Amino acid sequence: MLAGETSFDLAAAQRPDGSLTVSRLRAGNGQFSVTGDGSPAEGLNLDARLNDLGLVVPGFPGPATVAGSIRNTGSAYDVNLTANGPGNTQARVTGTAATDLSTADIAISGSSDAAAANPFLRTRSIEGPLSFDLRLNGRPGLESLSGRVALTGGRLAEPRFGLAVGSLNANADFNAGRIAVDIRGAVEAGGTVTVTGPIALVGDRQMNLDVRLADVVLRDPNLYESRVGGAVNVSGPLGQGPLVSGRIDIGHTELRIPSTGLGGAKAIPDIIHRSERPPQRQTRAKAGLLEYPSDASRQAGMAAPPATPPANPARFDLLISAPSQVFIRGRGVDAELGGEIRLTGNARQPIPIGQFELIRGRVDLLGKRFDMTEGLIELQGSMIPVLRLVAETVQDDITTRIIIDGEAQDPDITFESSPEMPQEEVLSQLLFGRGLDNISALQAAQLASAVATLAGRGGEGIVGRLRASTGLDDLDLATDDDGNVSVRAGKYLSENLYTDVQVGGDGKTKLNLNLDMSDTLTARGSVDSEGESTIGLFYERDY
């Protein structure tokens, strides 16, 4: 603010009654300028300009001006000011305030851009036209504030969750120390979200917010894509930790095991930043790569101390329901799971209870399919999905298993057998039915290809690409011992009706239907090209 040469020019005189009259006030440098004249009784006229508001509010650059008058009537100040700033910000402040500031009747109205709040939103960002019409009437404080702040056609981005909300309309109505919130927006990837309810600004700061999700698409391009709906309530005093409760229903979900890890790229090591300037620290903080610095430390270029977590974090009582259509795919794995998870605990230490269990699945290696016998998804304290998938087969009195276990973004893949053998020997037995000493050079190359697939370097494969391009939920190619190829294609016709068609190498076809009548009762039927048909009712219950 004071860089360079600053000039100051003041001419004033004292009247017989003791009041001061300013005939000339000029001050400024390359960053700001201030001019004024007048007297307190007749009105002090002020005209100030800051060439770059970013010097005071980082991340909000551009010129800002304030012009108007302040008059002392003896018992009160009469205020009439107009302000302009970056982002088409315009504001007018009019009204009166007691000389001892014990009471006021001041109106503040105008418009701005919501991006002015971005320096204070850490990794999030918001933009869009903002209007405000507020009045402070009474003793200065939130209890005396009334009016509305409205955002129309805005956009909110949250990079940590890959979430962007457009067509965002938000109203905050102030009245007697409370805000009535009404937020509605369209998630850019699909779906809508609404948040409504009151928040108290004084006392224990009670809140009661209803959050509605309708077909919201959540995605991480490298890990998952899911369609989510549900109703969540956030209630209770902010200081004591509000309760987040309700139900979230998860629809069609794909969890991808990334094509990295297990011999792929290693994690980036810690990097020491030398002579780092405040703008660089702010950029890394906005990206969530370090503790967000305080305003003071950010401007001084110093590292901020770690943020102190709230003494009473938010508490959870959430039911996450996904009875089916949770698909895990990648590295030769194609599985469907379903189930429920109840999230308890709090934001500092979440406690998930329950898991998603295997409905159907397989592991494909070199055209060979191994049906899964076990599968589950759990959430642990870090809220990162943890997988355990087991495919098992028996061949020549040797039981072999492929086990995929660990965090979804980089699980461990191991091989076991009974009787026990080294993992390479197990894989050779799985693929070729013989030991390493008895396989050909071509089979050795195929074995290396299978290892690359499981290690995350083999890509999605032609079957996976074909399934994705046709929009099917399941596509399976299998080869029997005689070399005959069979094809099975499956698709959900509705939330609870699944069908697949099987075509064998001998030309025979079979149509299967699976209808989930309830959580415990399923009807299954089939008909083949030779006229044979079956139907049955199955009762299942998990304990």
Protein backbone atom coordinates (compact mmCIF):
# COMPACT_ATOMS: atom_id res chain seq x y z
CA MET A 1 0.00 0.00 0.00
CA LEU A 2 2.80 2.46 0.85
CA ALA A 3 5.30 1.38 -1.79
CA GLY A 4 7.02 4.31 -3.51
CA GLU A 5 6.53 7.97 -2.64
CA THR A 6 3.38 8.94 -0.74
CA SER A 7 2.21 12.58 -0.68
CA PHE A 8 -0.13 14.23 1.86
CA ASP A 9 -1.70 17.72 1.48
CA LEU A 10 -4.19 19.08 4.02
CA ALA A 11 -5.62 22.58 4.45
CA ALA A 12 -8.05 23.08 7.36
CA ALA A 13 -9.29 25.89 9.61
CA GLN A 14 -11.06 26.06 12.97
CA ARG A 15 -14.39 27.90 13.12
CA PRO A 16 -15.41 30.18 16.02
CA ASP A 17 -17.70 27.42 17.32
CA GLY A 18 -14.71 25.06 17.55
CA SER A 19 -15.62 22.87 14.57
CA LEU A 20 -13.11 22.06 11.85
CA THR A 21 -13.51 22.93 8.18
CA VAL A 22 -11.41 21.06 5.61
CA SER A 23 -10.85 23.07 2.46
CA ARG A 24 -8.47 20.64 0.87
CA LEU A 25 -7.40 17.01 1.46
CA ARG A 26 -5.22 15.17 -0.97
CA ALA A 27 -3.21 12.04 -0.26
CA GLY A 28 -1.94 9.18 -2.34
CA ASN A 29 0.75 7.29 -4.20
CA GLY A 30 0.85 4.83 -7.09
CA GLN A 31 -1.57 2.50 -5.26
CA PHE A 32 -4.28 4.80 -3.84
CA SER A 33 -5.65 8.33 -3.77
CA VAL A 34 -7.90 10.20 -1.31
CA THR A 35 -9.51 13.64 -1.76
CA GLY A 36 -12.01 15.43 0.45
CA ASP A 37 -13.40 18.69 1.83
CA GLY A 38 -16.21 20.09 3.98
CA SER A 39 -17.11 20.15 7.66
CA PRO A 40 -18.74 17.65 10.04
CA ALA A 41 -21.85 19.82 10.41
CA GLU A 42 -22.37 20.53 6.70
CA GLY A 43 -20.95 17.20 5.55
CA LEU A 44 -17.51 15.80 4.96
CA ASN A 45 -17.17 14.90 1.29
CA LEU A 46 -14.94 11.91 0.57
CA ASP A 47 -13.61 10.46 -2.69
CA ALA A 48 -11.15 7.54 -2.35
CA ARG A 49 -9.70 5.13 -4.90
CA LEU A 50 -7.61 1.97 -4.57
CA ASN A 51 -6.06 0.93 -7.87
CA ASP A 52 -5.90 -2.77 -6.96
CA LEU A 53 -8.17 -4.24 -4.31
CA GLY A 54 -6.07 -7.41 -4.53
CA LEU A 55 -3.53 -5.69 -2.26
CA VAL A 56 -6.10 -5.91 0.57
CA VAL A 57 -8.25 -8.88 -0.56
CA PRO A 58 -5.97 -11.47 -2.28
CA GLY A 59 -7.56 -13.10 -5.30
CA PHE A 60 -9.91 -10.17 -6.01
CA PRO A 61 -7.88 -7.74 -8.16
CA GLY A 62 -9.14 -4.53 -9.73
CA PRO A 63 -9.87 -0.90 -8.82
CA ALA A 64 -12.18 0.05 -5.95
CA THR A 65 -13.70 3.48 -5.17
CA VAL A 66 -15.72 5.02 -2.33
CA ALA A 67 -17.45 8.41 -2.68
CA GLY A 68 -20.06 10.31 -0.69
CA SER A 69 -20.54 12.29 2.48
CA ILE A 70 -20.76 11.87 6.27
CA ARG A 71 -22.55 14.59 8.29
CA ASN A 72 -22.72 15.05 12.05
CA THR A 73 -26.17 16.31 13.07
CA GLY A 74 -25.19 16.55 16.73
CA SER A 75 -26.81 13.35 17.95
CA ALA A 76 -26.08 11.10 14.97
CA TYR A 77 -24.02 10.62 11.86
CA ASP A 78 -25.86 10.89 8.56
CA VAL A 79 -24.16 8.54 6.06
CA ASN A 80 -24.52 8.58 2.27
CA LEU A 81 -21.76 6.58 0.53
CA THR A 82 -21.43 4.83 -2.82
CA ALA A 83 -18.83 2.13 -3.48
CA ASN A 84 -17.65 0.37 -6.64
CA GLY A 85 -15.25 -2.54 -6.94
CA PRO A 86 -14.05 -5.49 -9.07
CA GLY A 87 -16.54 -8.00 -10.38
CA ASN A 88 -19.13 -5.30 -11.14
CA THR A 89 -19.46 -4.64 -7.43
CA GLN A 90 -21.73 -1.72 -6.63
CA ALA A 91 -23.00 -0.76 -3.19
CA ARG A 92 -24.81 2.13 -1.55
CA VAL A 93 -24.81 2.79 2.18
CA THR A 94 -27.39 5.25 3.52
CA GLY A 95 -28.88 6.00 6.92
CA THR A 96 -27.97 7.22 10.37
CA ALA A 97 -25.87 6.01 13.31
CA ALA A 98 -25.72 7.40 16.84
CA THR A 99 -22.51 9.27 17.61
CA ASP A 100 -21.70 6.71 20.31
CA LEU A 101 -22.62 3.93 17.83
CA SER A 102 -25.14 2.50 20.32
CA THR A 103 -27.85 2.31 17.66
CA ALA A 104 -28.12 2.61 13.89
CA ASP A 105 -30.57 2.59 11.01
CA ILE A 106 -28.47 1.91 7.94
CA ALA A 107 -29.44 0.34 4.61
CA ILE A 108 -26.89 -1.45 2.44
CA SER A 109 -27.88 -2.46 -1.09
CA GLY A 110 -26.13 -3.33 -4.31
CA SER A 111 -24.64 -6.13 -6.37
CA SER A 112 -21.37 -7.99 -6.78
CA ASP A 113 -19.85 -11.26 -7.97
CA ALA A 114 -19.76 -14.23 -5.60
CA ALA A 115 -16.12 -14.78 -6.64
CA ALA A 116 -15.23 -12.15 -4.04
CA ALA A 117 -15.56 -14.93 -1.45
CA ASN A 118 -13.06 -17.28 -3.14
CA PRO A 119 -10.00 -16.18 -1.13
CA PHE A 120 -11.79 -17.45 1.98
CA LEU A 121 -13.15 -20.75 0.54
CA ARG A 122 -9.91 -22.75 0.51
CA THR A 123 -10.13 -25.42 -2.22
CA ARG A 124 -13.66 -24.52 -3.33
CA SER A 125 -14.59 -21.74 -5.73
CA ILE A 126 -17.84 -19.93 -6.52
CA GLU A 127 -18.89 -17.38 -9.11
CA GLY A 128 -22.04 -15.66 -10.30
CA PRO A 129 -24.03 -12.42 -9.91
CA LEU A 130 -24.78 -11.59 -6.28
CA SER A 131 -27.35 -9.06 -5.06
CA PHE A 132 -27.89 -7.82 -1.52
CA ASP A 133 -30.47 -5.62 0.20
CA LEU A 134 -29.81 -5.44 3.94
CA ARG A 135 -30.82 -3.17 6.80
CA LEU A 136 -29.28 -2.75 10.24
CA ASN A 137 -31.95 -1.27 12.52
CA GLY A 138 -31.23 -1.10 16.24
CA ARG A 139 -28.24 -1.97 18.35
CA PRO A 140 -25.32 -3.02 16.11
CA GLY A 141 -25.34 -6.82 15.97
CA LEU A 142 -26.68 -9.75 13.99
CA GLU A 143 -30.00 -9.62 15.87
CA SER A 144 -30.72 -6.23 14.24
CA LEU A 145 -29.94 -7.34 10.69
CA SER A 146 -32.68 -8.05 8.14
CA GLY A 147 -32.92 -8.43 4.37
CA ARG A 148 -31.73 -10.79 1.66
CA VAL A 149 -28.55 -11.87 -0.10
CA ALA A 150 -29.23 -13.71 -3.38
CA LEU A 151 -27.08 -15.55 -5.92
CA THR A 152 -28.67 -16.08 -9.34
CA GLY A 153 -27.35 -18.44 -12.00
CA GLY A 154 -24.07 -19.07 -10.18
CA ARG A 155 -21.57 -21.92 -10.23
CA LEU A 156 -19.85 -23.79 -7.37
CA ALA A 157 -16.86 -26.10 -7.88
CA GLU A 158 -15.39 -28.52 -5.34
CA PRO A 159 -12.31 -30.14 -6.95
CA ARG A 160 -11.67 -32.55 -4.06
CA PHE A 161 -14.91 -34.40 -4.87
CA GLY A 162 -14.92 -33.75 -8.62
CA LEU A 163 -18.20 -31.86 -8.12
CA ALA A 164 -19.46 -28.79 -9.97
CA VAL A 165 -22.93 -27.29 -9.48
CA GLY A 166 -24.27 -24.92 -12.14
CA SER A 167 -27.52 -22.94 -12.52
CA LEU A 168 -27.06 -22.26 -8.82
CA ASN A 169 -29.75 -20.10 -7.21
CA ALA A 170 -29.27 -19.35 -3.53
CA ASN A 171 -31.20 -17.07 -1.18
CA ALA A 172 -30.23 -16.18 2.38
CA ASP A 173 -32.94 -14.25 4.25
CA PHE A 174 -31.77 -12.52 7.45
CA ASN A 175 -34.24 -11.85 10.26
CA ALA A 176 -33.74 -11.45 14.03
CA GLY A 177 -30.40 -13.27 14.17
CA ARG A 178 -31.42 -16.15 11.87
CA ILE A 179 -30.81 -17.03 8.24
CA ALA A 180 -33.38 -18.92 6.16
CA VAL A 181 -31.35 -20.74 3.50
CA ASP A 182 -32.77 -21.86 0.15
CA ILE A 183 -30.17 -23.27 -2.30
CA ARG A 184 -30.99 -25.07 -5.53
CA GLY A 185 -28.64 -26.15 -8.28
CA ALA A 186 -27.97 -28.63 -11.07
CA VAL A 187 -24.92 -30.87 -10.82
CA GLU A 188 -23.07 -30.51 -14.11
CA ALA A 189 -22.42 -34.23 -14.38
CA GLY A 190 -26.15 -34.92 -13.81
CA GLY A 191 -28.82 -34.54 -11.15
CA THR A 192 -29.98 -31.77 -8.81
CA VAL A 193 -29.27 -30.77 -5.21
CA THR A 194 -31.29 -28.58 -2.82
CA VAL A 195 -30.52 -27.27 0.66
CA THR A 196 -33.22 -25.57 2.74
CA GLY A 197 -33.67 -24.62 6.37
CA PRO A 198 -32.80 -22.12 9.12
CA ILE A 199 -29.44 -21.31 10.73
CA ALA A 200 -29.17 -19.29 13.93
CA LEU A 201 -26.38 -16.71 13.97
CA VAL A 202 -26.42 -16.08 17.72
CA GLY A 203 -26.53 -18.19 20.88
CA ASP A 204 -25.62 -21.85 20.33
CA ARG A 205 -26.08 -21.38 16.55
CA GLN A 206 -28.74 -24.03 16.00
CA MET A 207 -29.32 -25.28 12.45
CA ASN A 208 -31.84 -27.53 10.76
CA LEU A 209 -30.93 -28.03 7.11
CA ASP A 210 -32.59 -30.50 4.73
CA VAL A 211 -30.38 -31.68 1.86
CA ARG A 212 -32.01 -33.45 -1.09
CA LEU A 213 -30.06 -35.30 -3.79
CA ALA A 214 -31.86 -36.37 -6.99
CA ASP A 215 -29.94 -38.58 -9.46
CA VAL A 216 -26.68 -36.79 -8.70
CA VAL A 217 -23.73 -38.15 -10.68
CA LEU A 218 -20.51 -38.30 -8.67
CA ARG A 219 -17.32 -39.28 -10.43
CA ASP A 220 -13.59 -39.53 -10.12
CA PRO A 221 -12.37 -40.25 -13.66
CA ASN A 222 -9.64 -42.54 -12.31
CA LEU A 223 -11.65 -44.43 -9.69
CA TYR A 224 -15.45 -44.36 -9.76
CA GLU A 225 -18.70 -43.05 -11.19
CA SER A 226 -21.95 -43.31 -9.29
CA ARG A 227 -25.55 -42.05 -9.41
CA VAL A 228 -26.79 -40.98 -5.98
CA GLY A 229 -30.10 -39.91 -4.47
CA GLY A 230 -31.36 -39.41 -0.95
CA ALA A 231 -32.38 -37.10 1.86
CA VAL A 232 -30.00 -35.89 4.58
CA ASN A 233 -30.70 -33.65 7.57
CA VAL A 234 -28.07 -31.52 9.33
CA SER A 235 -29.39 -30.38 12.71
CA GLY A 236 -28.25 -29.28 16.13
CA PRO A 237 -25.99 -26.59 17.60
CA LEU A 238 -22.86 -25.86 15.59
CA GLY A 239 -20.70 -25.54 18.70
CA GLN A 240 -21.66 -29.00 19.99
CA GLY A 241 -21.32 -30.78 16.65
CA PRO A 242 -24.46 -31.05 14.47
CA LEU A 243 -25.96 -34.44 13.64
CA VAL A 244 -25.83 -35.49 9.97
CA SER A 245 -28.52 -38.13 9.50
CA GLY A 246 -30.64 -39.66 6.76
CA ARG A 247 -30.40 -42.07 3.88
CA ILE A 248 -28.34 -42.08 0.70
CA ASP A 249 -29.37 -44.46 -2.10
CA ILE A 250 -26.64 -45.44 -4.52
CA GLY A 251 -27.75 -46.43 -8.02
CA HIS A 252 -25.63 -47.70 -10.91
CA THR A 253 -22.01 -47.45 -9.76
CA GLU A 254 -18.73 -48.40 -11.40
CA LEU A 255 -15.64 -48.68 -9.21
CA ARG A 256 -12.56 -48.97 -11.39
CA ILE A 257 -9.38 -50.64 -10.23
CA PRO A 258 -6.85 -48.25 -11.82
CA SER A 259 -4.30 -49.48 -14.33
CA THR A 260 -1.43 -48.47 -12.03
CA GLY A 261 0.35 -49.89 -9.01
CA LEU A 262 1.78 -53.40 -8.57
CA GLY A 263 4.85 -52.55 -10.58
CA GLY A 264 3.44 -49.35 -12.09
CA ALA A 265 4.43 -45.78 -11.33
CA LYS A 266 5.66 -45.04 -7.84
CA ALA A 267 4.30 -42.29 -5.61
CA ILE A 268 5.77 -38.82 -6.05
CA PRO A 269 8.28 -38.22 -3.23
CA ASP A 270 8.02 -35.25 -0.88
CA ILE A 271 9.20 -32.04 -2.55
CA ILE A 272 11.00 -29.26 -0.69
CA HIS A 273 9.94 -25.81 -1.92
CA ARG A 274 12.79 -23.29 -1.57
CA SER A 275 12.24 -19.51 -1.47
CA GLU A 276 8.52 -20.01 -2.00
CA ARG A 277 6.52 -16.82 -2.43
CA PRO A 278 3.03 -16.22 -0.93
CA PRO A 279 1.19 -16.64 -4.30
CA GLN A 280 2.75 -20.09 -4.75
CA ARG A 281 1.81 -21.13 -1.21
CA GLN A 282 -1.74 -19.92 -1.80
CA THR A 283 -1.98 -21.94 -5.02
CA ARG A 284 -0.82 -25.12 -3.27
CA ALA A 285 -3.23 -24.44 -0.40
CA LYS A 286 -6.13 -23.99 -2.85
CA ALA A 287 -5.18 -27.35 -4.38
CA GLY A 288 -5.37 -28.98 -0.94
CA LEU A 289 -1.65 -29.86 -0.88
CA LEU A 290 -0.90 -28.25 2.49
CA GLU A 291 -2.60 -26.71 5.49
CA TYR A 292 -4.43 -23.59 4.42
CA PRO A 293 -2.51 -20.53 5.71
CA SER A 294 -4.17 -17.79 7.70
CA ASP A 295 -4.60 -14.36 6.14
CA ALA A 296 -1.72 -12.94 8.17
CA SER A 297 0.74 -15.71 7.38
CA ARG A 298 -0.33 -15.83 3.74
CA GLN A 299 0.50 -12.17 3.25
CA ALA A 300 3.74 -12.47 5.22
CA GLY A 301 4.77 -15.50 3.21
CA MET A 302 5.15 -17.64 6.34
CA ALA A 303 3.96 -21.17 6.90
CA ALA A 304 0.77 -21.28 8.93
CA PRO A 305 0.40 -23.62 11.90
CA PRO A 306 -1.88 -26.60 11.34
CA ALA A 307 -5.54 -25.69 11.59
CA THR A 308 -7.11 -26.54 14.93
CA PRO A 309 -9.95 -29.04 14.36
CA PRO A 310 -13.33 -28.22 15.90
CA ALA A 311 -13.71 -29.36 19.48
CA ASN A 312 -17.02 -31.04 18.61
CA PRO A 313 -17.01 -32.26 14.99
CA ALA A 314 -20.18 -33.20 13.13
CA ARG A 315 -21.71 -36.53 14.13
CA PHE A 316 -22.98 -39.14 11.64
CA ASP A 317 -26.00 -41.42 11.46
CA LEU A 318 -26.24 -42.15 7.74
CA LEU A 319 -27.54 -45.22 5.92
CA ILE A 320 -25.83 -45.83 2.56
CA SER A 321 -27.92 -48.32 0.58
CA ALA A 322 -26.91 -50.05 -2.67
CA PRO A 323 -28.81 -53.36 -2.97
CA SER A 324 -27.25 -54.07 -6.38
CA GLN A 325 -25.47 -52.60 -9.42
CA VAL A 326 -22.20 -51.73 -7.68
CA PHE A 327 -19.74 -52.94 -10.32
CA ILE A 328 -15.99 -53.40 -9.83
CA ARG A 329 -14.00 -53.54 -13.05
CA GLY A 330 -10.37 -53.44 -14.10
CA ARG A 331 -7.29 -55.69 -14.23
CA GLY A 332 -9.40 -58.59 -15.50
CA VAL A 333 -12.00 -58.23 -12.72
CA ASP A 334 -15.71 -57.88 -13.48
CA ALA A 335 -17.93 -58.18 -10.41
CA GLU A 336 -21.26 -56.91 -9.11
CA LEU A 337 -21.88 -56.29 -5.41
CA GLY A 338 -24.65 -54.89 -3.23
CA GLY A 339 -25.51 -54.19 0.38
CA GLU A 340 -25.81 -51.48 3.01
CA ILE A 341 -23.40 -49.47 5.13
CA ARG A 342 -24.38 -47.40 8.17
CA LEU A 343 -22.01 -44.54 8.83
CA THR A 344 -21.69 -43.56 12.49
CA GLY A 345 -19.06 -41.78 14.58
CA ASN A 346 -18.05 -38.24 13.70
CA ALA A 347 -16.10 -36.25 11.14
CA ARG A 348 -12.89 -36.78 13.10
CA GLN A 349 -13.36 -40.53 13.50
CA PRO A 350 -16.07 -41.97 11.20
CA ILE A 351 -17.21 -45.50 11.99
CA PRO A 352 -18.75 -47.41 9.04
CA ILE A 353 -20.77 -50.53 9.84
CA GLY A 354 -21.66 -53.05 7.13
CA GLN A 355 -20.37 -53.88 3.67
CA PHE A 356 -21.29 -54.54 0.05
CA GLU A 357 -21.18 -58.27 -0.78
CA LEU A 358 -20.74 -60.26 -3.98
CA ILE A 359 -23.75 -60.88 -6.23
CA ARG A 360 -21.88 -62.25 -9.22
CA GLY A 361 -18.40 -61.87 -10.64
CA ARG A 362 -15.37 -63.33 -12.37
CA VAL A 363 -11.70 -62.79 -13.15
CA ASP A 364 -10.62 -63.13 -16.81
CA LEU A 365 -7.03 -63.99 -17.71
CA LEU A 366 -5.92 -64.94 -21.23
CA GLY A 367 -9.47 -65.85 -22.20
CA LYS A 368 -9.97 -68.05 -19.14
CA ARG A 369 -12.66 -67.20 -16.64
CA PHE A 370 -12.50 -67.82 -12.92
CA ASP A 371 -15.79 -67.36 -11.09
CA MET A 372 -15.66 -65.44 -7.84
CA THR A 373 -16.58 -67.14 -4.60
CA GLU A 374 -16.14 -64.18 -2.27
CA GLY A 375 -16.38 -60.42 -2.64
CA LEU A 376 -16.98 -57.40 -0.46
CA ILE A 377 -16.42 -53.65 -0.23
CA GLU A 378 -15.87 -52.03 3.14
CA LEU A 379 -15.26 -48.45 4.24
CA GLN A 380 -12.59 -47.91 6.84
CA GLY A 381 -11.63 -44.88 8.94
CA SER A 382 -10.14 -43.01 5.99
CA MET A 383 -13.43 -43.51 4.06
CA ILE A 384 -11.49 -45.08 1.18
CA PRO A 385 -13.22 -48.21 -0.20
CA VAL A 386 -11.37 -51.42 0.69
CA LEU A 387 -11.89 -54.45 -1.56
CA ARG A 388 -11.62 -58.17 -1.00
CA LEU A 389 -12.34 -60.34 -4.04
CA VAL A 390 -11.57 -64.06 -4.26
CA ALA A 391 -11.82 -66.24 -7.38
CA GLU A 392 -11.34 -69.97 -6.82
CA THR A 393 -11.07 -73.03 -9.03
CA VAL A 394 -10.20 -76.72 -8.58
CA GLN A 395 -8.08 -78.48 -11.19
CA ASP A 396 -6.27 -81.80 -10.89
CA ASP A 397 -6.91 -81.90 -7.13
CA ILE A 398 -5.24 -78.48 -6.76
CA THR A 399 -7.38 -75.68 -5.36
CA THR A 400 -6.13 -72.30 -6.53
CA ARG A 401 -7.33 -68.83 -5.57
CA ILE A 402 -6.83 -65.32 -6.95
CA ILE A 403 -7.13 -62.81 -4.09
CA ILE A 404 -7.54 -59.06 -4.67
CA ASP A 405 -7.31 -57.25 -1.35
CA GLY A 406 -6.67 -53.64 -0.30
CA GLU A 407 -7.67 -50.04 -0.99
CA ALA A 408 -9.58 -49.62 -4.25
CA GLN A 409 -7.05 -47.30 -5.89
CA ASP A 410 -4.20 -49.80 -5.47
CA PRO A 411 -5.15 -53.26 -4.16
CA ASP A 412 -2.73 -56.14 -3.65
CA ILE A 413 -3.20 -59.19 -5.88
CA THR A 414 -1.92 -62.51 -4.62
CA PHE A 415 -2.27 -66.20 -5.48
CA GLU A 416 -2.80 -69.09 -3.09
CA SER A 417 -3.14 -72.82 -3.55
CA SER A 418 -3.83 -75.97 -1.64
CA PRO A 419 -1.39 -77.72 -1.46
CA GLU A 420 0.75 -74.60 -1.04
CA MET A 421 2.97 -73.47 -3.96
CA PRO A 422 4.88 -70.31 -4.96
CA GLN A 423 2.68 -67.62 -6.54
CA GLU A 424 4.25 -67.97 -10.01
CA GLU A 425 3.60 -71.71 -9.90
CA VAL A 426 0.00 -71.09 -8.81
CA LEU A 427 -0.59 -68.74 -11.73
CA SER A 428 0.91 -71.24 -14.17
CA GLN A 429 -1.38 -73.96 -12.80
CA LEU A 430 -4.37 -71.58 -13.08
CA LEU A 431 -3.73 -70.72 -16.72
CA PHE A 432 -2.22 -73.87 -18.19
CA GLY A 433 -2.86 -76.67 -15.72
CA ARG A 434 0.87 -77.39 -15.43
CA GLY A 435 3.94 -76.14 -13.61
CA LEU A 436 6.49 -73.57 -14.78
CA ASP A 437 8.91 -76.29 -15.83
CA ASN A 438 6.42 -77.73 -18.30
CA ILE A 439 5.16 -74.66 -20.18
CA SER A 440 6.28 -73.52 -23.63
CA ALA A 441 7.91 -70.23 -24.56
CA LEU A 442 4.56 -68.98 -25.90
CA GLN A 443 2.83 -69.93 -22.67
CA ALA A 444 5.55 -68.15 -20.72
CA ALA A 445 4.81 -65.01 -22.75
CA GLN A 446 1.10 -65.43 -22.03
CA LEU A 447 1.92 -65.81 -18.35
CA ALA A 448 3.83 -62.51 -18.45
CA SER A 449 0.83 -60.86 -20.14
CA ALA A 450 -1.48 -62.11 -17.38
CA VAL A 451 0.88 -60.76 -14.72
CA ALA A 452 0.92 -57.38 -16.54
CA THR A 453 -2.89 -57.33 -16.58
CA LEU A 454 -3.10 -57.97 -12.85
CA ALA A 455 -0.31 -55.47 -12.21
CA GLY A 456 -2.36 -52.77 -13.91
CA ARG A 457 -0.43 -52.51 -17.18
CA GLY A 458 -2.67 -54.58 -19.42
CA GLY A 459 -5.47 -52.10 -20.08
CA GLU A 460 -9.23 -52.70 -20.01
CA GLY A 461 -9.18 -55.38 -22.70
CA ILE A 462 -11.35 -55.85 -25.78
CA VAL A 463 -14.27 -57.41 -23.86
CA GLY A 464 -14.38 -54.50 -21.43
CA ARG A 465 -14.29 -51.97 -24.27
CA LEU A 466 -17.04 -53.83 -26.14
CA ARG A 467 -19.24 -53.97 -23.01
CA ALA A 468 -18.80 -50.21 -22.44
CA SER A 469 -19.57 -49.32 -26.09
CA THR A 470 -22.80 -51.40 -26.16
CA GLY A 471 -24.10 -50.09 -22.82
CA LEU A 472 -24.37 -53.57 -21.31
CA ASP A 473 -24.02 -54.16 -17.58
CA ASP A 474 -22.27 -57.50 -18.15
CA LEU A 475 -20.50 -59.13 -21.10
CA ASP A 476 -18.66 -62.44 -20.76
CA LEU A 477 -16.75 -64.57 -23.27
CA ALA A 478 -15.77 -68.07 -22.08
CA THR A 479 -13.89 -70.97 -23.67
CA ASP A 480 -14.35 -74.60 -22.65
CA ASP A 481 -11.73 -77.36 -22.72
CA ASP A 482 -12.61 -78.18 -26.36
CA GLY A 483 -12.07 -74.60 -27.50
CA ASN A 484 -15.78 -73.77 -27.93
CA VAL A 485 -16.60 -70.11 -27.21
CA SER A 486 -19.80 -69.00 -25.46
CA VAL A 487 -21.09 -65.45 -25.01
CA ARG A 488 -23.25 -64.03 -22.22
CA ALA A 489 -24.67 -60.48 -22.28
CA GLY A 490 -26.56 -59.03 -19.30
CA LYS A 491 -28.51 -55.82 -18.67
CA TYR A 492 -30.67 -54.33 -15.91
CA LEU A 493 -34.12 -53.62 -17.43
CA SER A 494 -35.19 -51.82 -14.24
CA GLU A 495 -33.94 -51.35 -10.69
CA ASN A 496 -34.94 -54.90 -9.70
CA LEU A 497 -35.11 -56.80 -13.01
CA TYR A 498 -31.93 -58.27 -14.53
CA THR A 499 -31.74 -60.34 -17.72
CA ASP A 500 -28.95 -62.03 -19.63
CA VAL A 501 -28.71 -63.99 -22.87
CA GLN A 502 -26.28 -66.89 -23.34
CA VAL A 503 -25.18 -68.12 -26.79
CA GLY A 504 -23.06 -71.30 -26.88
CA GLY A 505 -20.55 -72.42 -29.45
CA ASP A 506 -23.00 -75.14 -30.52
CA GLY A 507 -25.63 -72.52 -31.45
CA LYS A 508 -27.86 -73.07 -28.41
CA THR A 509 -29.24 -69.96 -26.73
CA LYS A 510 -30.67 -69.37 -23.28
CA LEU A 511 -32.55 -66.39 -21.81
CA ASN A 512 -32.43 -65.82 -18.03
CA LEU A 513 -34.51 -63.43 -15.93
CA ASN A 514 -33.83 -62.42 -12.33
CA LEU A 515 -36.56 -60.41 -10.50
CA ASP A 516 -35.83 -59.09 -6.99
CA MET A 517 -39.32 -59.09 -5.43
CA SER A 518 -38.00 -57.90 -2.05
CA ASP A 519 -34.76 -57.80 -0.08
CA THR A 520 -35.13 -61.51 0.69
CA LEU A 521 -37.29 -62.99 -2.13
CA THR A 522 -36.07 -63.43 -5.72
CA ALA A 523 -37.81 -65.01 -8.71
CA ARG A 524 -35.59 -66.60 -11.37
CA GLY A 525 -36.56 -68.09 -14.69
CA SER A 526 -35.00 -69.23 -17.95
CA VAL A 527 -35.93 -70.55 -21.38
CA ASP A 528 -33.60 -71.99 -24.04
CA SER A 529 -33.71 -72.53 -27.78
CA GLU A 530 -34.74 -76.17 -27.31
CA GLY A 531 -37.92 -75.20 -25.47
CA GLU A 532 -36.77 -76.09 -21.97
CA SER A 533 -37.80 -73.62 -19.29
CA THR A 534 -37.39 -73.27 -15.55
CA ILE A 535 -38.78 -71.01 -12.87
CA GLY A 536 -38.11 -70.80 -9.15
CA LEU A 537 -38.46 -68.67 -6.04
CA PHE A 538 -35.41 -68.16 -3.84
CA TYR A 539 -35.45 -66.93 -0.27
CA GLU A 540 -32.21 -65.48 1.07
CA ARG A 541 -31.45 -63.77 4.35
CA ASP A 542 -28.17 -62.42 5.68
CA TYR A 543 -27.41 -62.84 9.38
